[in-house]
PDB file of N, CA and C in Angstrom:
ATOM      1  N   THR A   1     -13.609 -12.677  -5.104  1.00  0.00           N
ATOM      2  CA  THR A   1     -13.019 -12.139  -6.310  1.00  0.00           C
ATOM      3  C   THR A   1     -13.705 -10.832  -6.649  1.00  0.00           C
ATOM      4  N   ASN A   2     -12.924  -9.850  -7.018  1.00  0.00           N
ATOM      5  CA  ASN A   2     -13.444  -8.521  -7.287  1.00  0.00           C
ATOM      6  C   ASN A   2     -13.891  -8.408  -8.749  1.00  0.00           C
ATOM      7  N   ASN A   3     -14.979  -9.107  -9.088  1.00  0.00           N
ATOM      8  CA  ASN A   3     -15.612  -8.970 -10.395  1.00  0.00           C
ATOM      9  C   ASN A   3     -17.116  -9.143 -10.194  1.00  0.00           C
ATOM     10  N   ASP A   4     -17.889  -8.993 -11.266  1.00  0.00           N
ATOM     11  CA  ASP A   4     -19.346  -9.063 -11.126  1.00  0.00           C
ATOM     12  C   ASP A   4     -19.814 -10.396 -10.552  1.00  0.00           C
ATOM     13  N   TYR A   5     -19.220 -11.488 -11.016  1.00  0.00           N
ATOM     14  CA  TYR A   5     -19.606 -12.810 -10.513  1.00  0.00           C
ATOM     15  C   TYR A   5     -19.295 -12.929  -9.021  1.00  0.00           C
ATOM     16  N   GLY A   6     -18.089 -12.540  -8.634  1.00  0.00           N
ATOM     17  CA  GLY A   6     -17.691 -12.623  -7.233  1.00  0.00           C
ATOM     18  C   GLY A   6     -18.548 -11.757  -6.332  1.00  0.00           C
ATOM     19  N   LYS A   7     -18.866 -10.550  -6.794  1.00  0.00           N
ATOM     20  CA  LYS A   7     -19.707  -9.660  -5.993  1.00  0.00           C
ATOM     21  C   LYS A   7     -21.115 -10.227  -5.837  1.00  0.00           C
ATOM     22  N   GLY A   8     -21.659 -10.790  -6.931  1.00  0.00           N
ATOM     23  CA  GLY A   8     -22.988 -11.396  -6.854  1.00  0.00           C
ATOM     24  C   GLY A   8     -23.013 -12.592  -5.919  1.00  0.00           C
ATOM     25  N   LEU A   9     -21.971 -13.405  -5.994  1.00  0.00           N
ATOM     26  CA  LEU A   9     -21.872 -14.572  -5.120  1.00  0.00           C
ATOM     27  C   LEU A   9     -21.754 -14.144  -3.660  1.00  0.00           C
ATOM     28  N   ALA A  10     -20.923 -13.152  -3.398  1.00  0.00           N
ATOM     29  CA  ALA A  10     -20.755 -12.656  -2.024  1.00  0.00           C
ATOM     30  C   ALA A  10     -22.061 -12.085  -1.483  1.00  0.00           C
ATOM     31  N   ASP A  11     -22.778 -11.331  -2.315  1.00  0.00           N
ATOM     32  CA  ASP A  11     -24.065 -10.771  -1.885  1.00  0.00           C
ATOM     33  C   ASP A  11     -25.066 -11.875  -1.559  1.00  0.00           C
ATOM     34  N   SER A  12     -25.090 -12.915  -2.383  1.00  0.00           N
ATOM     35  CA  SER A  12     -26.006 -14.033  -2.157  1.00  0.00           C
ATOM     36  C   SER A  12     -25.671 -14.775  -0.860  1.00  0.00           C
ATOM     37  N   ILE A  13     -24.385 -15.045  -0.655  1.00  0.00           N
ATOM     38  CA  ILE A  13     -23.959 -15.719   0.578  1.00  0.00           C
ATOM     39  C   ILE A  13     -24.332 -14.871   1.790  1.00  0.00           C
ATOM     40  N   GLU A  14     -24.044 -13.571   1.707  1.00  0.00           N
ATOM     41  CA  GLU A  14     -24.331 -12.685   2.836  1.00  0.00           C
ATOM     42  C   GLU A  14     -25.824 -12.625   3.147  1.00  0.00           C
ATOM     43  N   SER A  15     -26.666 -12.479   2.129  1.00  0.00           N
ATOM     44  CA  SER A  15     -28.100 -12.361   2.396  1.00  0.00           C
ATOM     45  C   SER A  15     -28.669 -13.655   2.973  1.00  0.00           C
ATOM     46  N   ASN A  16     -28.218 -14.793   2.476  1.00  0.00           N
ATOM     47  CA  ASN A  16     -28.705 -16.072   3.004  1.00  0.00           C
ATOM     48  C   ASN A  16     -28.180 -16.349   4.406  1.00  0.00           C
ATOM     49  N   PHE A  17     -26.921 -16.002   4.654  1.00  0.00           N
ATOM     50  CA  PHE A  17     -26.332 -16.234   5.975  1.00  0.00           C
ATOM     51  C   PHE A  17     -27.006 -15.358   7.030  1.00  0.00           C
ATOM     52  N   THR A  18     -27.211 -14.088   6.711  1.00  0.00           N
ATOM     53  CA  THR A  18     -27.845 -13.192   7.681  1.00  0.00           C
ATOM     54  C   THR A  18     -29.325 -13.532   7.860  1.00  0.00           C
ATOM     55  N   ALA A  19     -29.984 -13.998   6.800  1.00  0.00           N
ATOM     56  CA  ALA A  19     -31.387 -14.409   6.921  1.00  0.00           C
ATOM     57  C   ALA A  19     -31.527 -15.590   7.872  1.00  0.00           C
ATOM     58  N   GLY A  20     -30.488 -16.398   7.965  1.00  0.00           N
ATOM     59  CA  GLY A  20     -30.496 -17.532   8.883  1.00  0.00           C
ATOM     60  C   GLY A  20     -30.026 -17.182  10.281  1.00  0.00           C
ATOM     61  N   GLY A  21     -29.776 -15.897  10.532  1.00  0.00           N
ATOM     62  CA  GLY A  21     -29.382 -15.456  11.867  1.00  0.00           C
ATOM     63  C   GLY A  21     -27.898 -15.225  12.050  1.00  0.00           C
ATOM     64  N   GLY A  22     -27.109 -15.440  10.998  1.00  0.00           N
ATOM     65  CA  GLY A  22     -25.667 -15.228  11.093  1.00  0.00           C
ATOM     66  C   GLY A  22     -25.295 -13.756  11.026  1.00  0.00           C
ATOM     67  N   THR A  23     -24.099 -13.451  11.452  1.00  0.00           N
ATOM     68  CA  THR A  23     -23.572 -12.089  11.409  1.00  0.00           C
ATOM     69  C   THR A  23     -22.312 -12.074  10.559  1.00  0.00           C
ATOM     70  N   ILE A  24     -22.237 -11.138   9.637  1.00  0.00           N
ATOM     71  CA  ILE A  24     -21.059 -10.963   8.784  1.00  0.00           C
ATOM     72  C   ILE A  24     -20.166  -9.911   9.434  1.00  0.00           C
ATOM     73  N   THR A  25     -18.913 -10.247   9.712  1.00  0.00           N
ATOM     74  CA  THR A  25     -18.000  -9.276  10.320  1.00  0.00           C
ATOM     75  C   THR A  25     -17.234  -8.484   9.271  1.00  0.00           C
ATOM     76  N   ILE A  26     -17.033  -9.061   8.074  1.00  0.00           N
ATOM     77  CA  ILE A  26     -16.353  -8.353   6.988  1.00  0.00           C
ATOM     78  C   ILE A  26     -16.700  -9.034   5.668  1.00  0.00           C
ATOM     79  N   ASN A  27     -16.860  -8.217   4.643  1.00  0.00           N
ATOM     80  CA  ASN A  27     -17.067  -8.698   3.279  1.00  0.00           C
ATOM     81  C   ASN A  27     -16.029  -7.964   2.444  1.00  0.00           C
ATOM     82  N   ALA A  28     -14.962  -8.650   2.079  1.00  0.00           N
ATOM     83  CA  ALA A  28     -13.826  -7.990   1.426  1.00  0.00           C
ATOM     84  C   ALA A  28     -13.495  -8.665   0.104  1.00  0.00           C
ATOM     85  N   ALA A  29     -13.708  -7.935  -0.986  1.00  0.00           N
ATOM     86  CA  ALA A  29     -13.329  -8.454  -2.303  1.00  0.00           C
ATOM     87  C   ALA A  29     -11.809  -8.423  -2.433  1.00  0.00           C
ATOM     88  N   HIS A  30     -11.261  -9.335  -3.237  1.00  0.00           N
ATOM     89  CA  HIS A  30      -9.812  -9.345  -3.459  1.00  0.00           C
ATOM     90  C   HIS A  30      -9.520  -9.333  -4.955  1.00  0.00           C
ATOM     91  N   GLU A  31      -8.414  -8.728  -5.296  1.00  0.00           N
ATOM     92  CA  GLU A  31      -7.971  -8.697  -6.690  1.00  0.00           C
ATOM     93  C   GLU A  31      -7.362 -10.044  -7.048  1.00  0.00           C
ATOM     94  N   GLU A  32      -7.616 -10.504  -8.255  1.00  0.00           N
ATOM     95  CA  GLU A  32      -7.101 -11.796  -8.699  1.00  0.00           C
ATOM     96  C   GLU A  32      -5.613 -11.722  -9.031  1.00  0.00           C
ATOM     97  N   GLY A  33      -4.897 -12.795  -8.738  1.00  0.00           N
ATOM     98  CA  GLY A  33      -3.533 -12.975  -9.203  1.00  0.00           C
ATOM     99  C   GLY A  33      -2.459 -12.143  -8.534  1.00  0.00           C
ATOM    100  N   LYS A  34      -2.730 -11.562  -7.373  1.00  0.00           N
ATOM    101  CA  LYS A  34      -1.692 -10.817  -6.663  1.00  0.00           C
ATOM    102  C   LYS A  34      -0.665 -11.783  -6.088  1.00  0.00           C
ATOM    103  N   GLY A  35       0.523 -11.305  -5.854  1.00  0.00           N
ATOM    104  CA  GLY A  35       1.557 -12.134  -5.261  1.00  0.00           C
ATOM    105  C   GLY A  35       1.485 -12.214  -3.752  1.00  0.00           C
ATOM    106  N   ASP A  36       0.804 -11.266  -3.127  1.00  0.00           N
ATOM    107  CA  ASP A  36       0.782 -11.190  -1.667  1.00  0.00           C
ATOM    108  C   ASP A  36      -0.613 -10.765  -1.196  1.00  0.00           C
ATOM    109  N   TYR A  37      -1.202 -11.580  -0.368  1.00  0.00           N
ATOM    110  CA  TYR A  37      -2.526 -11.287   0.179  1.00  0.00           C
ATOM    111  C   TYR A  37      -2.476 -11.057   1.685  1.00  0.00           C
ATOM    112  N   SER A  38      -1.316 -10.695   2.203  1.00  0.00           N
ATOM    113  CA  SER A  38      -1.186 -10.528   3.654  1.00  0.00           C
ATOM    114  C   SER A  38      -2.073  -9.398   4.184  1.00  0.00           C
ATOM    115  N   ALA A  39      -2.279  -8.344   3.419  1.00  0.00           N
ATOM    116  CA  ALA A  39      -3.152  -7.254   3.871  1.00  0.00           C
ATOM    117  C   ALA A  39      -4.594  -7.736   3.993  1.00  0.00           C
ATOM    118  N   GLU A  40      -5.035  -8.532   3.031  1.00  0.00           N
ATOM    119  CA  GLU A  40      -6.387  -9.076   3.078  1.00  0.00           C
ATOM    120  C   GLU A  40      -6.545 -10.038   4.257  1.00  0.00           C
ATOM    121  N   VAL A  41      -5.544 -10.889   4.463  1.00  0.00           N
ATOM    122  CA  VAL A  41      -5.581 -11.839   5.580  1.00  0.00           C
ATOM    123  C   VAL A  41      -5.613 -11.081   6.906  1.00  0.00           C
ATOM    124  N   ALA A  42      -4.831 -10.023   7.029  1.00  0.00           N
ATOM    125  CA  ALA A  42      -4.820  -9.225   8.259  1.00  0.00           C
ATOM    126  C   ALA A  42      -6.186  -8.595   8.514  1.00  0.00           C
ATOM    127  N   ALA A  43      -6.829  -8.077   7.475  1.00  0.00           N
ATOM    128  CA  ALA A  43      -8.156  -7.477   7.635  1.00  0.00           C
ATOM    129  C   ALA A  43      -9.177  -8.523   8.064  1.00  0.00           C
ATOM    130  N   LEU A  44      -9.098  -9.714   7.473  1.00  0.00           N
ATOM    131  CA  LEU A  44     -10.009 -10.797   7.857  1.00  0.00           C
ATOM    132  C   LEU A  44      -9.798 -11.196   9.313  1.00  0.00           C
ATOM    133  N   ALA A  45      -8.548 -11.322   9.719  1.00  0.00           N
ATOM    134  CA  ALA A  45      -8.232 -11.699  11.097  1.00  0.00           C
ATOM    135  C   ALA A  45      -8.706 -10.637  12.079  1.00  0.00           C
ATOM    136  N   GLN A  46      -8.487  -9.377  11.733  1.00  0.00           N
ATOM    137  CA  GLN A  46      -8.863  -8.280  12.625  1.00  0.00           C
ATOM    138  C   GLN A  46     -10.382  -8.186  12.802  1.00  0.00           C
ATOM    139  N   ALA A  47     -11.139  -8.603  11.793  1.00  0.00           N
ATOM    140  CA  ALA A  47     -12.600  -8.540  11.877  1.00  0.00           C
ATOM    141  C   ALA A  47     -13.147  -9.489  12.936  1.00  0.00           C
ATOM    142  N   GLY A  48     -12.387 -10.545  13.252  1.00  0.00           N
ATOM    143  CA  GLY A  48     -12.743 -11.407  14.366  1.00  0.00           C
ATOM    144  C   GLY A  48     -13.846 -12.418  14.135  1.00  0.00           C
ATOM    145  N   GLY A  49     -14.079 -12.818  12.921  1.00  0.00           N
ATOM    146  CA  GLY A  49     -15.114 -13.818  12.662  1.00  0.00           C
ATOM    147  C   GLY A  49     -14.686 -15.223  13.055  1.00  0.00           C
ATOM    148  N   ASP A  50     -15.655 -16.105  13.159  1.00  0.00           N
ATOM    149  CA  ASP A  50     -15.397 -17.506  13.498  1.00  0.00           C
ATOM    150  C   ASP A  50     -15.285 -18.397  12.267  1.00  0.00           C
ATOM    151  N   ILE A  51     -15.848 -17.951  11.152  1.00  0.00           N
ATOM    152  CA  ILE A  51     -15.880 -18.736   9.920  1.00  0.00           C
ATOM    153  C   ILE A  51     -15.316 -17.891   8.790  1.00  0.00           C
ATOM    154  N   LEU A  52     -14.502 -18.508   7.951  1.00  0.00           N
ATOM    155  CA  LEU A  52     -13.949 -17.829   6.778  1.00  0.00           C
ATOM    156  C   LEU A  52     -14.544 -18.457   5.531  1.00  0.00           C
ATOM    157  N   ILE A  53     -15.169 -17.634   4.701  1.00  0.00           N
ATOM    158  CA  ILE A  53     -15.667 -18.081   3.401  1.00  0.00           C
ATOM    159  C   ILE A  53     -14.914 -17.293   2.345  1.00  0.00           C
ATOM    160  N   VAL A  54     -14.204 -17.993   1.479  1.00  0.00           N
ATOM    161  CA  VAL A  54     -13.483 -17.350   0.381  1.00  0.00           C
ATOM    162  C   VAL A  54     -14.197 -17.732  -0.906  1.00  0.00           C
ATOM    163  N   ALA A  55     -14.869 -16.779  -1.510  1.00  0.00           N
ATOM    164  CA  ALA A  55     -15.569 -17.006  -2.776  1.00  0.00           C
ATOM    165  C   ALA A  55     -14.663 -16.515  -3.898  1.00  0.00           C
ATOM    166  N   GLY A  56     -13.649 -17.292  -4.178  1.00  0.00           N
ATOM    167  CA  GLY A  56     -12.682 -16.911  -5.203  1.00  0.00           C
ATOM    168  C   GLY A  56     -12.105 -18.132  -5.871  1.00  0.00           C
ATOM    169  N   TYR A  57     -11.474 -17.910  -6.992  1.00  0.00           N
ATOM    170  CA  TYR A  57     -10.840 -18.993  -7.732  1.00  0.00           C
ATOM    171  C   TYR A  57      -9.542 -19.391  -7.035  1.00  0.00           C
ATOM    172  N   LEU A  58      -9.334 -20.685  -6.854  1.00  0.00           N
ATOM    173  CA  LEU A  58      -8.133 -21.156  -6.158  1.00  0.00           C
ATOM    174  C   LEU A  58      -6.858 -20.669  -6.823  1.00  0.00           C
ATOM    175  N   ASP A  59      -6.832 -20.648  -8.151  1.00  0.00           N
ATOM    176  CA  ASP A  59      -5.611 -20.259  -8.857  1.00  0.00           C
ATOM    177  C   ASP A  59      -5.482 -18.753  -9.065  1.00  0.00           C
ATOM    178  N   GLN A  60      -6.424 -17.976  -8.550  1.00  0.00           N
ATOM    179  CA  GLN A  60      -6.385 -16.527  -8.708  1.00  0.00           C
ATOM    180  C   GLN A  60      -6.425 -15.796  -7.371  1.00  0.00           C
ATOM    181  N   GLY A  61      -5.894 -16.412  -6.348  1.00  0.00           N
ATOM    182  CA  GLY A  61      -5.806 -15.761  -5.046  1.00  0.00           C
ATOM    183  C   GLY A  61      -6.546 -16.461  -3.932  1.00  0.00           C
ATOM    184  N   GLY A  62      -7.570 -17.234  -4.269  1.00  0.00           N
ATOM    185  CA  GLY A  62      -8.344 -17.913  -3.232  1.00  0.00           C
ATOM    186  C   GLY A  62      -7.500 -18.823  -2.364  1.00  0.00           C
ATOM    187  N   LYS A  63      -6.663 -19.625  -2.996  1.00  0.00           N
ATOM    188  CA  LYS A  63      -5.804 -20.548  -2.244  1.00  0.00           C
ATOM    189  C   LYS A  63      -4.823 -19.782  -1.360  1.00  0.00           C
ATOM    190  N   ALA A  64      -4.255 -18.693  -1.876  1.00  0.00           N
ATOM    191  CA  ALA A  64      -3.290 -17.909  -1.095  1.00  0.00           C
ATOM    192  C   ALA A  64      -3.950 -17.277   0.128  1.00  0.00           C
ATOM    193  N   ILE A  65      -5.186 -16.838  -0.007  1.00  0.00           N
ATOM    194  CA  ILE A  65      -5.892 -16.254   1.134  1.00  0.00           C
ATOM    195  C   ILE A  65      -6.184 -17.328   2.179  1.00  0.00           C
ATOM    196  N   ILE A  66      -6.655 -18.473   1.724  1.00  0.00           N
ATOM    197  CA  ILE A  66      -6.928 -19.570   2.656  1.00  0.00           C
ATOM    198  C   ILE A  66      -5.645 -20.013   3.345  1.00  0.00           C
ATOM    199  N   GLN A  67      -4.581 -20.227   2.568  1.00  0.00           N
ATOM    200  CA  GLN A  67      -3.315 -20.683   3.142  1.00  0.00           C
ATOM    201  C   GLN A  67      -2.745 -19.651   4.106  1.00  0.00           C
ATOM    202  N   GLY A  68      -2.798 -18.380   3.729  1.00  0.00           N
ATOM    203  CA  GLY A  68      -2.306 -17.323   4.609  1.00  0.00           C
ATOM    204  C   GLY A  68      -3.086 -17.250   5.908  1.00  0.00           C
ATOM    205  N   SER A  69      -4.383 -17.465   5.825  1.00  0.00           N
ATOM    206  CA  SER A  69      -5.224 -17.444   7.025  1.00  0.00           C
ATOM    207  C   SER A  69      -4.889 -18.591   7.964  1.00  0.00           C
ATOM    208  N   LEU A  70      -4.579 -19.743   7.389  1.00  0.00           N
ATOM    209  CA  LEU A  70      -4.179 -20.890   8.213  1.00  0.00           C
ATOM    210  C   LEU A  70      -2.771 -20.709   8.766  1.00  0.00           C
ATOM    211  N   ASP A  71      -1.845 -20.249   7.915  1.00  0.00           N
ATOM    212  CA  ASP A  71      -0.450 -20.084   8.330  1.00  0.00           C
ATOM    213  C   ASP A  71      -0.286 -19.077   9.457  1.00  0.00           C
ATOM    214  N   THR A  72      -1.079 -18.011   9.441  1.00  0.00           N
ATOM    215  CA  THR A  72      -0.962 -16.985  10.476  1.00  0.00           C
ATOM    216  C   THR A  72      -1.710 -17.353  11.753  1.00  0.00           C
ATOM    217  N   GLY A  73      -2.507 -18.409  11.686  1.00  0.00           N
ATOM    218  CA  GLY A  73      -3.295 -18.794  12.850  1.00  0.00           C
ATOM    219  C   GLY A  73      -4.574 -17.998  13.007  1.00  0.00           C
ATOM    220  N   ALA A  74      -4.895 -17.171  12.012  1.00  0.00           N
ATOM    221  CA  ALA A  74      -6.105 -16.365  12.081  1.00  0.00           C
ATOM    222  C   ALA A  74      -7.354 -17.241  12.080  1.00  0.00           C
ATOM    223  N   PHE A  75      -7.284 -18.342  11.360  1.00  0.00           N
ATOM    224  CA  PHE A  75      -8.385 -19.305  11.287  1.00  0.00           C
ATOM    225  C   PHE A  75      -7.787 -20.697  11.365  1.00  0.00           C
ATOM    226  N   ASP A  76      -8.583 -21.665  11.789  1.00  0.00           N
ATOM    227  CA  ASP A  76      -8.115 -23.044  11.799  1.00  0.00           C
ATOM    228  C   ASP A  76      -9.166 -23.939  11.162  1.00  0.00           C
ATOM    229  N   ILE A  77      -8.773 -25.160  10.963  1.00  0.00           N
ATOM    230  CA  ILE A  77      -9.682 -26.106  10.310  1.00  0.00           C
ATOM    231  C   ILE A  77     -10.568 -26.753  11.340  1.00  0.00           C
TER     232      ILE A  77
END
């Protein structure tokens, strides 16, 4: 989520993940409540990561990003 809380959460996840040896391929904030997140899903897919972490509210775009990522085959469960 593109707000102070979301940015702080993303920074915390990134610093802890990289400290443990992980690599972040993309860190992309999203605007809440959009009708279409296909551009965000495409950017996530193109980055080529193995794990998707969506730090967003389910009712404000988080669910749409997760669902779009699954529907396009960019990520699986």
